[in-house]
Amino acid sequence: MVTALAPLRQVWDWLAEVPDPEIPVISVTDLGIVRDVSYQGETLVVAVTPTYSGCPATAVIDLMITDKLRAEGVEVLRLERRLSPPWTSDWITPEGRDKLRAYGIAPPIDGTAPDGPTAARARRLSGQSNLTVPCPRCGSGATEKISQHGSTPCKAAYRCTDCLEPFDYFKCH
């Protein structure tokens, strides 16, 4: 049990052990949804930005963070939901992207986040996007979208036309 205030670096390390409930291979810190960790007096404050405001896993994530920090001895804790700025897939760490790929999920393509370059956003919104999502299994760019809706709201279903394997693409919000 921790009797004194834990160093912030230690808190970040603990949070790095909290998995995303929908994609357990990636942590909440890899996903970039833990935005800040600080103390306000004796209270540890953890700011969390959900991947989107209606994310059904938000309550579970909050509970998992709380349970982990309590198990590490944090007694006075407050979670803050931070909606501004909204989460962007640009916040996923390089390690998190590698973990997604190794798990069989294509990570978001750089520059396709909603707050990314204006031209890319305009093409996507007009339906003129010719986004090539590489297969996370064989690396081929010969892939096709099967459905805008994947196994969770934050993923789309794709298929590789080379290795013929289906896979999820972690969509940008």
N, C-alpha and C. Protein backbone atom coordinates (compact mmCIF):
# COMPACT_ATOMS: atom_id res chain seq x y z
N MET A 1 0.83 -1.19 0.00
CA MET A 1 0.00 0.00 0.00
C MET A 1 0.87 1.25 0.00
N VAL A 2 0.43 2.25 -0.71
CA VAL A 2 1.14 3.52 -0.78
C VAL A 2 0.61 4.39 0.36
N THR A 3 1.51 4.87 1.20
CA THR A 3 1.06 5.71 2.30
C THR A 3 1.26 7.19 1.98
N ALA A 4 2.22 7.51 1.12
CA ALA A 4 2.45 8.89 0.70
C ALA A 4 1.90 9.05 -0.71
N LEU A 5 1.90 10.28 -1.18
CA LEU A 5 1.46 10.52 -2.54
C LEU A 5 2.44 9.87 -3.50
N ALA A 6 1.91 9.07 -4.39
CA ALA A 6 2.76 8.37 -5.36
C ALA A 6 3.31 9.38 -6.37
N PRO A 7 4.57 9.20 -6.77
CA PRO A 7 5.11 10.07 -7.82
C PRO A 7 4.28 9.93 -9.10
N LEU A 8 4.11 11.01 -9.82
CA LEU A 8 3.28 10.99 -11.03
C LEU A 8 3.79 9.97 -12.05
N ARG A 9 5.11 9.81 -12.16
CA ARG A 9 5.65 8.82 -13.11
C ARG A 9 5.16 7.43 -12.74
N GLN A 10 5.08 7.14 -11.44
CA GLN A 10 4.58 5.84 -10.98
C GLN A 10 3.10 5.68 -11.35
N VAL A 11 2.33 6.74 -11.19
CA VAL A 11 0.90 6.68 -11.54
C VAL A 11 0.75 6.38 -13.03
N TRP A 12 1.54 7.07 -13.86
CA TRP A 12 1.49 6.80 -15.31
C TRP A 12 1.84 5.34 -15.60
N ASP A 13 2.83 4.80 -14.90
CA ASP A 13 3.20 3.39 -15.09
C ASP A 13 2.05 2.46 -14.71
N TRP A 14 1.36 2.77 -13.61
CA TRP A 14 0.19 1.96 -13.23
C TRP A 14 -0.89 2.04 -14.29
N LEU A 15 -1.15 3.24 -14.79
CA LEU A 15 -2.19 3.42 -15.81
C LEU A 15 -1.84 2.69 -17.11
N ALA A 16 -0.55 2.55 -17.38
CA ALA A 16 -0.12 1.82 -18.57
C ALA A 16 -0.45 0.33 -18.49
N GLU A 17 -0.82 -0.14 -17.30
CA GLU A 17 -1.22 -1.54 -17.11
C GLU A 17 -2.73 -1.74 -17.23
N VAL A 18 -3.48 -0.66 -17.44
CA VAL A 18 -4.94 -0.75 -17.55
C VAL A 18 -5.29 -0.96 -19.02
N PRO A 19 -5.83 -2.13 -19.37
CA PRO A 19 -6.15 -2.39 -20.77
C PRO A 19 -7.45 -1.72 -21.21
N ASP A 20 -7.54 -1.43 -22.49
CA ASP A 20 -8.81 -1.00 -23.05
C ASP A 20 -9.74 -2.21 -23.02
N PRO A 21 -10.97 -2.08 -22.52
CA PRO A 21 -11.84 -3.26 -22.40
C PRO A 21 -12.27 -3.86 -23.74
N GLU A 22 -12.27 -3.06 -24.80
CA GLU A 22 -12.68 -3.58 -26.11
C GLU A 22 -11.50 -4.14 -26.90
N ILE A 23 -10.30 -3.63 -26.61
CA ILE A 23 -9.08 -4.10 -27.29
C ILE A 23 -8.02 -4.29 -26.20
N PRO A 24 -8.07 -5.42 -25.50
CA PRO A 24 -7.23 -5.58 -24.31
C PRO A 24 -5.73 -5.60 -24.56
N VAL A 25 -5.29 -5.65 -25.78
CA VAL A 25 -3.86 -5.64 -26.06
C VAL A 25 -3.26 -4.24 -25.95
N ILE A 26 -4.10 -3.22 -25.90
CA ILE A 26 -3.63 -1.84 -25.85
C ILE A 26 -4.09 -1.21 -24.53
N SER A 27 -3.22 -0.43 -23.93
CA SER A 27 -3.57 0.20 -22.64
C SER A 27 -4.26 1.54 -22.87
N VAL A 28 -4.85 2.05 -21.80
CA VAL A 28 -5.52 3.34 -21.90
C VAL A 28 -4.52 4.47 -22.15
N THR A 29 -3.26 4.26 -21.76
CA THR A 29 -2.25 5.28 -22.05
C THR A 29 -1.78 5.15 -23.50
N ASP A 30 -1.62 3.91 -24.00
CA ASP A 30 -1.27 3.72 -25.41
C ASP A 30 -2.33 4.32 -26.32
N LEU A 31 -3.58 4.17 -25.92
CA LEU A 31 -4.70 4.69 -26.70
C LEU A 31 -4.75 6.22 -26.67
N GLY A 32 -4.11 6.80 -25.67
CA GLY A 32 -4.06 8.26 -25.58
C GLY A 32 -5.29 8.88 -24.95
N ILE A 33 -6.08 8.08 -24.25
CA ILE A 33 -7.29 8.66 -23.64
C ILE A 33 -7.03 9.21 -22.24
N VAL A 34 -5.93 8.82 -21.60
CA VAL A 34 -5.54 9.45 -20.34
C VAL A 34 -4.78 10.71 -20.73
N ARG A 35 -5.38 11.85 -20.47
CA ARG A 35 -4.84 13.12 -20.94
C ARG A 35 -3.93 13.80 -19.93
N ASP A 36 -4.20 13.58 -18.65
CA ASP A 36 -3.41 14.29 -17.65
C ASP A 36 -3.52 13.56 -16.32
N VAL A 37 -2.47 13.63 -15.56
CA VAL A 37 -2.43 13.09 -14.20
C VAL A 37 -1.78 14.17 -13.34
N SER A 38 -2.47 14.56 -12.28
CA SER A 38 -1.93 15.61 -11.41
C SER A 38 -2.51 15.45 -10.01
N TYR A 39 -1.92 16.20 -9.11
CA TYR A 39 -2.46 16.26 -7.75
C TYR A 39 -3.07 17.63 -7.54
N GLN A 40 -4.24 17.64 -6.91
CA GLN A 40 -4.84 18.86 -6.40
C GLN A 40 -4.93 18.64 -4.89
N GLY A 41 -3.94 19.17 -4.20
CA GLY A 41 -3.81 18.89 -2.78
C GLY A 41 -3.47 17.42 -2.60
N GLU A 42 -4.26 16.70 -1.82
CA GLU A 42 -4.06 15.27 -1.59
C GLU A 42 -4.79 14.39 -2.60
N THR A 43 -5.55 15.00 -3.50
CA THR A 43 -6.38 14.27 -4.45
C THR A 43 -5.64 14.02 -5.76
N LEU A 44 -5.55 12.76 -6.15
CA LEU A 44 -5.01 12.42 -7.46
C LEU A 44 -6.12 12.63 -8.48
N VAL A 45 -5.85 13.43 -9.49
CA VAL A 45 -6.84 13.73 -10.53
C VAL A 45 -6.34 13.14 -11.84
N VAL A 46 -7.18 12.30 -12.44
CA VAL A 46 -6.86 11.68 -13.72
C VAL A 46 -7.89 12.16 -14.74
N ALA A 47 -7.40 12.86 -15.76
CA ALA A 47 -8.28 13.35 -16.82
C ALA A 47 -8.33 12.33 -17.95
N VAL A 48 -9.55 11.94 -18.33
CA VAL A 48 -9.76 10.93 -19.35
C VAL A 48 -10.63 11.51 -20.46
N THR A 49 -10.18 11.34 -21.70
CA THR A 49 -10.96 11.77 -22.87
C THR A 49 -11.39 10.52 -23.62
N PRO A 50 -12.69 10.23 -23.67
CA PRO A 50 -13.13 9.04 -24.40
C PRO A 50 -12.86 9.20 -25.90
N THR A 51 -12.77 8.06 -26.60
CA THR A 51 -12.49 8.12 -28.03
C THR A 51 -13.60 8.85 -28.78
N TYR A 52 -14.81 8.79 -28.28
CA TYR A 52 -15.89 9.64 -28.75
C TYR A 52 -16.92 9.75 -27.64
N SER A 53 -17.74 10.78 -27.68
CA SER A 53 -18.58 11.10 -26.52
C SER A 53 -19.59 10.00 -26.19
N GLY A 54 -19.97 9.18 -27.14
CA GLY A 54 -20.93 8.11 -26.88
C GLY A 54 -20.29 6.75 -26.70
N CYS A 55 -19.01 6.70 -26.45
CA CYS A 55 -18.31 5.42 -26.33
C CYS A 55 -18.93 4.58 -25.22
N PRO A 56 -19.42 3.37 -25.55
CA PRO A 56 -20.07 2.55 -24.54
C PRO A 56 -19.10 2.00 -23.49
N ALA A 57 -17.80 2.05 -23.76
CA ALA A 57 -16.83 1.50 -22.82
C ALA A 57 -16.35 2.52 -21.78
N THR A 58 -16.79 3.76 -21.88
CA THR A 58 -16.29 4.81 -21.00
C THR A 58 -16.46 4.49 -19.52
N ALA A 59 -17.63 4.04 -19.12
CA ALA A 59 -17.88 3.73 -17.70
C ALA A 59 -17.00 2.57 -17.23
N VAL A 60 -16.80 1.58 -18.09
CA VAL A 60 -15.96 0.44 -17.73
C VAL A 60 -14.51 0.90 -17.59
N ILE A 61 -14.06 1.76 -18.50
CA ILE A 61 -12.69 2.28 -18.44
C ILE A 61 -12.49 3.04 -17.13
N ASP A 62 -13.44 3.89 -16.77
CA ASP A 62 -13.34 4.63 -15.51
C ASP A 62 -13.24 3.68 -14.32
N LEU A 63 -14.05 2.63 -14.32
CA LEU A 63 -14.02 1.65 -13.24
C LEU A 63 -12.69 0.91 -13.19
N MET A 64 -12.16 0.54 -14.35
CA MET A 64 -10.88 -0.17 -14.39
C MET A 64 -9.74 0.72 -13.90
N ILE A 65 -9.76 1.99 -14.27
CA ILE A 65 -8.74 2.94 -13.79
C ILE A 65 -8.84 3.08 -12.27
N THR A 66 -10.06 3.28 -11.79
CA THR A 66 -10.28 3.43 -10.35
C THR A 66 -9.82 2.18 -9.60
N ASP A 67 -10.22 1.00 -10.08
CA ASP A 67 -9.83 -0.25 -9.42
C ASP A 67 -8.31 -0.41 -9.38
N LYS A 68 -7.64 -0.11 -10.48
CA LYS A 68 -6.18 -0.25 -10.53
C LYS A 68 -5.51 0.69 -9.54
N LEU A 69 -5.92 1.94 -9.54
CA LEU A 69 -5.28 2.91 -8.66
C LEU A 69 -5.58 2.62 -7.19
N ARG A 70 -6.79 2.18 -6.89
CA ARG A 70 -7.12 1.79 -5.51
C ARG A 70 -6.26 0.59 -5.09
N ALA A 71 -6.09 -0.39 -6.01
CA ALA A 71 -5.27 -1.57 -5.70
C ALA A 71 -3.81 -1.18 -5.43
N GLU A 72 -3.38 -0.07 -6.01
CA GLU A 72 -2.00 0.40 -5.79
C GLU A 72 -1.89 1.29 -4.56
N GLY A 73 -3.01 1.52 -3.87
CA GLY A 73 -2.98 2.28 -2.63
C GLY A 73 -3.40 3.72 -2.73
N VAL A 74 -3.87 4.14 -3.88
CA VAL A 74 -4.35 5.53 -4.01
C VAL A 74 -5.69 5.62 -3.29
N GLU A 75 -5.75 6.49 -2.29
CA GLU A 75 -6.96 6.58 -1.48
C GLU A 75 -7.88 7.71 -1.91
N VAL A 76 -7.31 8.82 -2.30
CA VAL A 76 -8.14 9.97 -2.68
C VAL A 76 -7.94 10.20 -4.17
N LEU A 77 -9.02 9.96 -4.93
CA LEU A 77 -8.93 9.95 -6.38
C LEU A 77 -10.16 10.62 -6.99
N ARG A 78 -9.93 11.34 -8.07
CA ARG A 78 -11.04 11.91 -8.84
C ARG A 78 -10.73 11.73 -10.32
N LEU A 79 -11.69 11.17 -11.05
CA LEU A 79 -11.57 11.08 -12.51
C LEU A 79 -12.35 12.24 -13.11
N GLU A 80 -11.74 12.88 -14.09
CA GLU A 80 -12.40 13.96 -14.81
C GLU A 80 -12.61 13.52 -16.25
N ARG A 81 -13.79 13.74 -16.77
CA ARG A 81 -14.05 13.49 -18.18
C ARG A 81 -13.72 14.76 -18.92
N ARG A 82 -12.76 14.69 -19.81
CA ARG A 82 -12.33 15.86 -20.57
C ARG A 82 -12.74 15.66 -22.03
N LEU A 83 -13.70 16.46 -22.49
CA LEU A 83 -14.23 16.32 -23.85
C LEU A 83 -13.63 17.31 -24.83
N SER A 84 -12.90 18.28 -24.31
CA SER A 84 -12.31 19.28 -25.19
C SER A 84 -10.83 19.43 -24.85
N PRO A 85 -9.96 19.28 -25.80
CA PRO A 85 -10.26 18.95 -27.19
C PRO A 85 -10.71 17.50 -27.29
N PRO A 86 -11.49 17.20 -28.34
CA PRO A 86 -11.94 15.81 -28.50
C PRO A 86 -10.76 14.90 -28.83
N TRP A 87 -10.90 13.64 -28.45
CA TRP A 87 -9.87 12.65 -28.72
C TRP A 87 -9.63 12.55 -30.23
N THR A 88 -8.41 12.32 -30.60
CA THR A 88 -8.04 12.07 -31.98
C THR A 88 -7.14 10.85 -32.02
N SER A 89 -7.24 10.10 -33.09
CA SER A 89 -6.40 8.91 -33.22
C SER A 89 -4.92 9.27 -33.30
N ASP A 90 -4.61 10.54 -33.54
CA ASP A 90 -3.21 10.97 -33.51
C ASP A 90 -2.61 10.79 -32.12
N TRP A 91 -3.44 10.65 -31.08
CA TRP A 91 -2.96 10.49 -29.72
C TRP A 91 -2.54 9.05 -29.41
N ILE A 92 -2.82 8.10 -30.30
CA ILE A 92 -2.38 6.73 -30.07
C ILE A 92 -0.86 6.71 -30.21
N THR A 93 -0.20 6.13 -29.23
CA THR A 93 1.26 6.10 -29.24
C THR A 93 1.77 5.18 -30.36
N PRO A 94 3.01 5.38 -30.79
CA PRO A 94 3.59 4.45 -31.77
C PRO A 94 3.57 3.00 -31.26
N GLU A 95 3.84 2.81 -29.97
CA GLU A 95 3.79 1.47 -29.39
C GLU A 95 2.37 0.91 -29.45
N GLY A 96 1.38 1.76 -29.21
CA GLY A 96 -0.01 1.34 -29.30
C GLY A 96 -0.38 0.92 -30.70
N ARG A 97 0.10 1.65 -31.70
CA ARG A 97 -0.16 1.30 -33.11
C ARG A 97 0.46 -0.06 -33.43
N ASP A 98 1.67 -0.29 -32.93
CA ASP A 98 2.33 -1.58 -33.15
C ASP A 98 1.54 -2.71 -32.49
N LYS A 99 1.04 -2.46 -31.29
CA LYS A 99 0.27 -3.48 -30.58
C LYS A 99 -1.03 -3.80 -31.32
N LEU A 100 -1.70 -2.77 -31.85
CA LEU A 100 -2.92 -3.00 -32.64
C LEU A 100 -2.61 -3.89 -33.84
N ARG A 101 -1.57 -3.52 -34.56
CA ARG A 101 -1.18 -4.27 -35.77
C ARG A 101 -0.86 -5.72 -35.42
N ALA A 102 -0.10 -5.94 -34.37
CA ALA A 102 0.26 -7.30 -33.96
C ALA A 102 -0.96 -8.11 -33.55
N TYR A 103 -1.99 -7.44 -33.06
CA TYR A 103 -3.23 -8.08 -32.63
C TYR A 103 -4.17 -8.37 -33.80
N GLY A 104 -3.82 -7.82 -34.98
CA GLY A 104 -4.64 -8.05 -36.17
C GLY A 104 -5.60 -6.92 -36.49
N ILE A 105 -5.42 -5.76 -35.88
CA ILE A 105 -6.25 -4.59 -36.15
C ILE A 105 -5.38 -3.56 -36.84
N ALA A 106 -5.83 -3.07 -37.98
CA ALA A 106 -5.08 -2.04 -38.68
C ALA A 106 -5.23 -0.73 -37.91
N PRO A 107 -4.10 -0.12 -37.52
CA PRO A 107 -4.20 1.15 -36.79
C PRO A 107 -4.63 2.28 -37.72
N PRO A 108 -5.09 3.39 -37.17
CA PRO A 108 -5.49 4.53 -38.00
C PRO A 108 -4.33 4.99 -38.88
N ILE A 109 -4.67 5.43 -40.06
CA ILE A 109 -3.66 5.93 -40.99
C ILE A 109 -3.36 7.38 -40.63
N ASP A 110 -2.08 7.71 -40.55
CA ASP A 110 -1.66 9.07 -40.21
C ASP A 110 -2.31 10.08 -41.15
N GLY A 111 -2.74 11.20 -40.58
CA GLY A 111 -3.32 12.27 -41.36
C GLY A 111 -4.80 12.10 -41.67
N THR A 112 -5.44 11.04 -41.15
CA THR A 112 -6.85 10.83 -41.43
C THR A 112 -7.74 11.19 -40.24
N ALA A 113 -7.14 11.66 -39.16
CA ALA A 113 -7.94 12.08 -38.01
C ALA A 113 -8.79 13.29 -38.41
N PRO A 114 -9.97 13.45 -37.82
CA PRO A 114 -10.85 14.54 -38.20
C PRO A 114 -10.21 15.92 -38.12
N ASP A 115 -9.25 16.11 -37.23
CA ASP A 115 -8.62 17.42 -37.14
C ASP A 115 -7.32 17.46 -37.92
N GLY A 116 -7.13 16.46 -38.81
CA GLY A 116 -5.93 16.39 -39.65
C GLY A 116 -5.99 17.40 -40.78
N PRO A 117 -5.14 17.21 -41.78
CA PRO A 117 -5.07 18.15 -42.89
C PRO A 117 -6.43 18.39 -43.54
N THR A 118 -6.70 19.63 -43.87
CA THR A 118 -7.99 20.03 -44.43
C THR A 118 -8.34 19.26 -45.69
N ALA A 119 -7.40 19.07 -46.59
CA ALA A 119 -7.69 18.38 -47.83
C ALA A 119 -8.13 16.94 -47.59
N ALA A 120 -7.44 16.24 -46.69
CA ALA A 120 -7.82 14.85 -46.39
C ALA A 120 -9.21 14.80 -45.77
N ARG A 121 -9.50 15.73 -44.90
CA ARG A 121 -10.81 15.78 -44.26
C ARG A 121 -11.90 16.05 -45.30
N ALA A 122 -11.66 16.98 -46.20
CA ALA A 122 -12.64 17.32 -47.23
C ALA A 122 -12.91 16.12 -48.14
N ARG A 123 -11.86 15.37 -48.54
CA ARG A 123 -12.04 14.18 -49.38
C ARG A 123 -12.87 13.13 -48.65
N ARG A 124 -12.57 12.92 -47.37
CA ARG A 124 -13.29 11.92 -46.60
C ARG A 124 -14.75 12.29 -46.43
N LEU A 125 -15.02 13.55 -46.10
CA LEU A 125 -16.40 13.98 -45.88
C LEU A 125 -17.21 13.95 -47.17
N SER A 126 -16.57 14.16 -48.31
CA SER A 126 -17.28 14.15 -49.59
C SER A 126 -17.41 12.74 -50.16
N GLY A 127 -16.83 11.75 -49.47
CA GLY A 127 -16.89 10.38 -49.94
C GLY A 127 -15.88 10.07 -51.02
N GLN A 128 -14.94 10.97 -51.27
CA GLN A 128 -13.96 10.78 -52.33
C GLN A 128 -12.64 10.22 -51.82
N SER A 129 -12.64 9.71 -50.63
CA SER A 129 -11.41 9.18 -50.05
C SER A 129 -11.03 7.88 -50.72
N ASN A 130 -9.79 7.78 -51.14
CA ASN A 130 -9.28 6.51 -51.65
C ASN A 130 -8.23 6.01 -50.65
N LEU A 131 -8.67 5.85 -49.44
CA LEU A 131 -7.84 5.42 -48.33
C LEU A 131 -7.42 3.97 -48.54
N THR A 132 -6.13 3.73 -48.49
CA THR A 132 -5.61 2.37 -48.57
C THR A 132 -5.22 1.94 -47.16
N VAL A 133 -5.92 0.93 -46.66
CA VAL A 133 -5.66 0.42 -45.32
C VAL A 133 -4.83 -0.86 -45.47
N PRO A 134 -3.56 -0.81 -45.08
CA PRO A 134 -2.72 -2.02 -45.20
C PRO A 134 -3.21 -3.14 -44.29
N CYS A 135 -3.14 -4.35 -44.79
CA CYS A 135 -3.51 -5.53 -44.02
C CYS A 135 -2.54 -5.68 -42.84
N PRO A 136 -3.05 -5.81 -41.62
CA PRO A 136 -2.15 -5.97 -40.47
C PRO A 136 -1.49 -7.35 -40.42
N ARG A 137 -1.98 -8.27 -41.21
CA ARG A 137 -1.43 -9.63 -41.20
C ARG A 137 -0.29 -9.81 -42.21
N CYS A 138 -0.53 -9.37 -43.46
CA CYS A 138 0.49 -9.60 -44.50
C CYS A 138 1.10 -8.30 -45.02
N GLY A 139 0.53 -7.15 -44.64
CA GLY A 139 1.08 -5.85 -45.05
C GLY A 139 0.63 -5.38 -46.42
N SER A 140 -0.17 -6.17 -47.11
CA SER A 140 -0.62 -5.80 -48.45
C SER A 140 -1.53 -4.58 -48.42
N GLY A 141 -1.44 -3.77 -49.45
CA GLY A 141 -2.36 -2.63 -49.61
C GLY A 141 -3.58 -3.01 -50.42
N ALA A 142 -3.66 -4.26 -50.86
CA ALA A 142 -4.80 -4.73 -51.65
C ALA A 142 -5.92 -5.15 -50.68
N THR A 143 -6.61 -4.15 -50.15
CA THR A 143 -7.66 -4.41 -49.18
C THR A 143 -8.94 -3.71 -49.61
N GLU A 144 -10.05 -4.15 -49.05
CA GLU A 144 -11.33 -3.53 -49.36
C GLU A 144 -12.18 -3.44 -48.11
N LYS A 145 -12.95 -2.34 -48.05
CA LYS A 145 -13.86 -2.18 -46.91
C LYS A 145 -15.08 -3.06 -47.14
N ILE A 146 -15.39 -3.86 -46.13
CA ILE A 146 -16.57 -4.72 -46.18
C ILE A 146 -17.77 -3.99 -45.58
N SER A 147 -17.51 -3.26 -44.48
CA SER A 147 -18.57 -2.54 -43.80
C SER A 147 -17.97 -1.39 -43.00
N GLN A 148 -18.66 -0.30 -42.95
CA GLN A 148 -18.25 0.84 -42.13
C GLN A 148 -18.32 0.49 -40.65
N HIS A 149 -19.04 -0.58 -40.33
CA HIS A 149 -19.26 -0.99 -38.94
C HIS A 149 -18.55 -2.30 -38.67
N GLY A 150 -17.62 -2.27 -37.70
CA GLY A 150 -16.87 -3.47 -37.34
C GLY A 150 -17.36 -4.06 -36.05
N SER A 151 -16.47 -4.74 -35.34
CA SER A 151 -16.84 -5.44 -34.12
C SER A 151 -17.16 -4.51 -32.96
N THR A 152 -16.71 -3.26 -33.03
CA THR A 152 -17.07 -2.23 -32.05
C THR A 152 -17.33 -0.95 -32.84
N PRO A 153 -17.97 0.05 -32.23
CA PRO A 153 -18.27 1.28 -32.96
C PRO A 153 -17.04 2.03 -33.49
N CYS A 154 -15.88 1.78 -32.93
CA CYS A 154 -14.69 2.51 -33.36
C CYS A 154 -13.90 1.76 -34.43
N LYS A 155 -14.48 0.70 -34.99
CA LYS A 155 -13.77 -0.07 -36.01
C LYS A 155 -14.65 -0.29 -37.23
N ALA A 156 -14.01 -0.44 -38.38
CA ALA A 156 -14.67 -0.80 -39.64
C ALA A 156 -14.14 -2.17 -40.05
N ALA A 157 -14.96 -2.94 -40.79
CA ALA A 157 -14.57 -4.27 -41.24
C ALA A 157 -13.93 -4.19 -42.62
N TYR A 158 -12.76 -4.79 -42.74
CA TYR A 158 -12.02 -4.84 -44.01
C TYR A 158 -11.65 -6.28 -44.33
N ARG A 159 -11.21 -6.49 -45.58
CA ARG A 159 -10.70 -7.79 -46.00
C ARG A 159 -9.51 -7.56 -46.92
N CYS A 160 -8.52 -8.39 -46.75
CA CYS A 160 -7.34 -8.36 -47.62
C CYS A 160 -7.64 -9.23 -48.84
N THR A 161 -7.45 -8.69 -50.04
CA THR A 161 -7.70 -9.49 -51.24
C THR A 161 -6.49 -10.33 -51.63
N ASP A 162 -5.36 -10.15 -50.94
CA ASP A 162 -4.19 -11.01 -51.18
C ASP A 162 -4.21 -12.24 -50.27
N CYS A 163 -4.24 -12.04 -48.96
CA CYS A 163 -4.23 -13.19 -48.05
C CYS A 163 -5.64 -13.66 -47.70
N LEU A 164 -6.65 -12.89 -48.13
CA LEU A 164 -8.08 -13.22 -47.94
C LEU A 164 -8.55 -13.20 -46.50
N GLU A 165 -7.75 -12.64 -45.61
CA GLU A 165 -8.12 -12.58 -44.20
C GLU A 165 -8.95 -11.32 -43.92
N PRO A 166 -9.99 -11.46 -43.11
CA PRO A 166 -10.73 -10.27 -42.66
C PRO A 166 -9.97 -9.62 -41.51
N PHE A 167 -10.19 -8.32 -41.33
CA PHE A 167 -9.58 -7.61 -40.21
C PHE A 167 -10.36 -6.35 -39.92
N ASP A 168 -10.16 -5.82 -38.72
CA ASP A 168 -10.77 -4.55 -38.34
C ASP A 168 -9.78 -3.43 -38.60
N TYR A 169 -10.34 -2.27 -38.96
CA TYR A 169 -9.55 -1.04 -39.09
C TYR A 169 -10.04 -0.10 -38.01
N PHE A 170 -9.13 0.39 -37.19
CA PHE A 170 -9.47 1.33 -36.12
C PHE A 170 -9.74 2.68 -36.76
N LYS A 171 -11.02 3.05 -36.85
CA LYS A 171 -11.43 4.27 -37.53
C LYS A 171 -11.04 5.51 -36.71
N CYS A 172 -10.94 6.58 -37.41
CA CYS A 172 -10.69 7.88 -36.75
C CYS A 172 -12.03 8.52 -36.43
N HIS A 173 -12.06 9.23 -35.36
CA HIS A 173 -13.27 9.97 -34.99
C HIS A 173 -12.96 11.43 -34.95
